[in-house]
């Protein structure tokens, strides 16, 4: 923690299990988890809960949380970051092209 704001994005493809981690719009790491939907109930952000009863609280601030029902592309993650830091670029999905 260096008291610097960061834009963090995480994507996960439930079909393949592919996971990507982005910091400030740049791919920072990737891996593969098990495929399939995650169905464990949750009701809060900023907590690493476990079913054994020893949760860990996030020690920091969360400014905004966005959830999507599809995997965001690398270009979309980069565009979201640029929008957040007011260095906009235009982004559109090919099927929505003007």
C-alpha atoms as a PDB file:
ATOM      1  CA  UNK A   1       0.000   0.000   0.000  1.00  0.00           C
ATOM      2  CA  UNK A   2       1.538   3.275  -1.131  1.00  0.00           C
ATOM      3  CA  UNK A   3      -1.652   5.371  -0.905  1.00  0.00           C
ATOM      4  CA  UNK A   4      -1.997   5.458  -4.694  1.00  0.00           C
ATOM      5  CA  UNK A   5      -5.355   5.002  -6.439  1.00  0.00           C
ATOM      6  CA  UNK A   6      -5.455   2.018  -8.779  1.00  0.00           C
ATOM      7  CA  UNK A   7      -7.998   0.733 -11.234  1.00  0.00           C
ATOM      8  CA  UNK A   8      -8.184  -3.041 -10.724  1.00  0.00           C
ATOM      9  CA  UNK A   9     -10.115  -5.338 -13.061  1.00  0.00           C
ATOM     10  CA  UNK A  10     -10.493  -9.082 -12.878  1.00  0.00           C
ATOM     11  CA  UNK A  11     -12.112 -11.220 -15.539  1.00  0.00           C
ATOM     12  CA  UNK A  12     -13.080 -14.892 -15.372  1.00  0.00           C
ATOM     13  CA  UNK A  13     -14.482 -17.013 -18.166  1.00  0.00           C
ATOM     14  CA  UNK A  14     -16.753 -19.617 -16.582  1.00  0.00           C
ATOM     15  CA  UNK A  15     -16.538 -21.882 -19.638  1.00  0.00           C
ATOM     16  CA  UNK A  16     -12.745 -22.182 -19.716  1.00  0.00           C
ATOM     17  CA  UNK A  17     -11.781 -21.017 -16.221  1.00  0.00           C
ATOM     18  CA  UNK A  18      -9.409 -18.407 -17.739  1.00  0.00           C
ATOM     19  CA  UNK A  19      -8.711 -15.550 -15.302  1.00  0.00           C
ATOM     20  CA  UNK A  20      -7.051 -12.218 -16.079  1.00  0.00           C
ATOM     21  CA  UNK A  21      -5.894  -9.485 -13.685  1.00  0.00           C
ATOM     22  CA  UNK A  22      -5.478  -5.885 -14.855  1.00  0.00           C
ATOM     23  CA  UNK A  23      -3.918  -2.940 -13.037  1.00  0.00           C
ATOM     24  CA  UNK A  24      -4.593   0.505 -14.528  1.00  0.00           C
ATOM     25  CA  UNK A  25      -5.818  -1.036 -17.783  1.00  0.00           C
ATOM     26  CA  UNK A  26      -2.746  -3.225 -18.316  1.00  0.00           C
ATOM     27  CA  UNK A  27      -2.760  -7.018 -18.089  1.00  0.00           C
ATOM     28  CA  UNK A  28      -0.808  -7.823 -14.932  1.00  0.00           C
ATOM     29  CA  UNK A  29      -1.280 -11.577 -14.675  1.00  0.00           C
ATOM     30  CA  UNK A  30      -3.377 -14.479 -15.851  1.00  0.00           C
ATOM     31  CA  UNK A  31      -4.123 -18.058 -14.994  1.00  0.00           C
ATOM     32  CA  UNK A  32      -6.718 -20.761 -15.134  1.00  0.00           C
ATOM     33  CA  UNK A  33      -9.152 -21.702 -12.391  1.00  0.00           C
ATOM     34  CA  UNK A  34     -11.674 -24.489 -12.493  1.00  0.00           C
ATOM     35  CA  UNK A  35     -14.381 -24.034 -15.097  1.00  0.00           C
ATOM     36  CA  UNK A  36     -18.020 -23.648 -14.141  1.00  0.00           C
ATOM     37  CA  UNK A  37     -20.271 -21.131 -12.493  1.00  0.00           C
ATOM     38  CA  UNK A  38     -19.517 -19.862  -8.992  1.00  0.00           C
ATOM     39  CA  UNK A  39     -22.662 -20.286  -6.944  1.00  0.00           C
ATOM     40  CA  UNK A  40     -21.527 -19.581  -3.386  1.00  0.00           C
ATOM     41  CA  UNK A  41     -23.674 -16.804  -1.918  1.00  0.00           C
ATOM     42  CA  UNK A  42     -21.966 -13.546  -0.968  1.00  0.00           C
ATOM     43  CA  UNK A  43     -23.323 -10.310   0.426  1.00  0.00           C
ATOM     44  CA  UNK A  44     -20.325  -8.008   0.779  1.00  0.00           C
ATOM     45  CA  UNK A  45     -17.180  -6.800  -0.957  1.00  0.00           C
ATOM     46  CA  UNK A  46     -13.808  -6.321   0.646  1.00  0.00           C
ATOM     47  CA  UNK A  47     -13.899  -9.479   2.701  1.00  0.00           C
ATOM     48  CA  UNK A  48     -12.176 -12.766   2.070  1.00  0.00           C
ATOM     49  CA  UNK A  49     -14.707 -15.095   3.625  1.00  0.00           C
ATOM     50  CA  UNK A  50     -14.242 -18.764   4.183  1.00  0.00           C
ATOM     51  CA  UNK A  51     -16.695 -21.403   5.217  1.00  0.00           C
ATOM     52  CA  UNK A  52     -14.525 -22.185   8.251  1.00  0.00           C
ATOM     53  CA  UNK A  53     -15.544 -18.915   9.914  1.00  0.00           C
ATOM     54  CA  UNK A  54     -12.320 -16.877   9.840  1.00  0.00           C
ATOM     55  CA  UNK A  55     -12.955 -14.026   7.394  1.00  0.00           C
ATOM     56  CA  UNK A  56     -10.247 -11.510   6.498  1.00  0.00           C
ATOM     57  CA  UNK A  57     -11.255  -7.875   6.064  1.00  0.00           C
ATOM     58  CA  UNK A  58      -9.824  -5.748   3.237  1.00  0.00           C
ATOM     59  CA  UNK A  59      -7.770  -2.916   4.758  1.00  0.00           C
ATOM     60  CA  UNK A  60      -8.256  -0.093   2.260  1.00  0.00           C
ATOM     61  CA  UNK A  61     -10.846   1.934   0.417  1.00  0.00           C
ATOM     62  CA  UNK A  62     -13.081   0.886  -2.464  1.00  0.00           C
ATOM     63  CA  UNK A  63     -14.304   3.734  -4.625  1.00  0.00           C
ATOM     64  CA  UNK A  64     -16.462   1.950  -7.159  1.00  0.00           C
ATOM     65  CA  UNK A  65     -17.390  -1.628  -7.989  1.00  0.00           C
ATOM     66  CA  UNK A  66     -18.766  -2.748 -11.330  1.00  0.00           C
ATOM     67  CA  UNK A  67     -20.029  -6.233 -12.122  1.00  0.00           C
ATOM     68  CA  UNK A  68     -20.631  -7.440 -15.652  1.00  0.00           C
ATOM     69  CA  UNK A  69     -22.485 -10.526 -16.856  1.00  0.00           C
ATOM     70  CA  UNK A  70     -19.898 -11.160 -19.573  1.00  0.00           C
ATOM     71  CA  UNK A  71     -16.107 -11.293 -19.808  1.00  0.00           C
ATOM     72  CA  UNK A  72     -14.770  -7.834 -20.647  1.00  0.00           C
ATOM     73  CA  UNK A  73     -12.204  -7.660 -23.447  1.00  0.00           C
ATOM     74  CA  UNK A  74      -8.701  -6.267 -22.972  1.00  0.00           C
ATOM     75  CA  UNK A  75      -9.753  -3.212 -25.008  1.00  0.00           C
ATOM     76  CA  UNK A  76     -12.823  -2.654 -22.844  1.00  0.00           C
ATOM     77  CA  UNK A  77     -10.804  -2.876 -19.612  1.00  0.00           C
ATOM     78  CA  UNK A  78      -8.291  -0.375 -21.028  1.00  0.00           C
ATOM     79  CA  UNK A  79     -11.107   1.949 -22.136  1.00  0.00           C
ATOM     80  CA  UNK A  80     -12.744   1.827 -18.691  1.00  0.00           C
ATOM     81  CA  UNK A  81      -9.452   2.775 -17.061  1.00  0.00           C
ATOM     82  CA  UNK A  82      -8.853   5.645 -19.494  1.00  0.00           C
ATOM     83  CA  UNK A  83     -12.370   6.917 -18.838  1.00  0.00           C
ATOM     84  CA  UNK A  84     -11.785   6.818 -15.085  1.00  0.00           C
ATOM     85  CA  UNK A  85      -8.611   8.913 -15.398  1.00  0.00           C
ATOM     86  CA  UNK A  86     -10.248  11.258 -17.942  1.00  0.00           C
ATOM     87  CA  UNK A  87      -8.108  10.250 -20.933  1.00  0.00           C
ATOM     88  CA  UNK A  88     -11.050   8.934 -22.937  1.00  0.00           C
ATOM     89  CA  UNK A  89     -10.856   6.842 -25.992  1.00  0.00           C
ATOM     90  CA  UNK A  90     -13.783   5.637 -28.011  1.00  0.00           C
ATOM     91  CA  UNK A  91     -14.832   2.061 -27.541  1.00  0.00           C
ATOM     92  CA  UNK A  92     -17.586   0.038 -29.077  1.00  0.00           C
ATOM     93  CA  UNK A  93     -18.316  -3.612 -29.661  1.00  0.00           C
ATOM     94  CA  UNK A  94     -18.132  -4.517 -33.371  1.00  0.00           C
ATOM     95  CA  UNK A  95     -21.847  -5.374 -33.464  1.00  0.00           C
ATOM     96  CA  UNK A  96     -22.655  -1.854 -32.230  1.00  0.00           C
ATOM     97  CA  UNK A  97     -20.406  -0.016 -34.695  1.00  0.00           C
ATOM     98  CA  UNK A  98     -21.793   3.282 -35.956  1.00  0.00           C
END
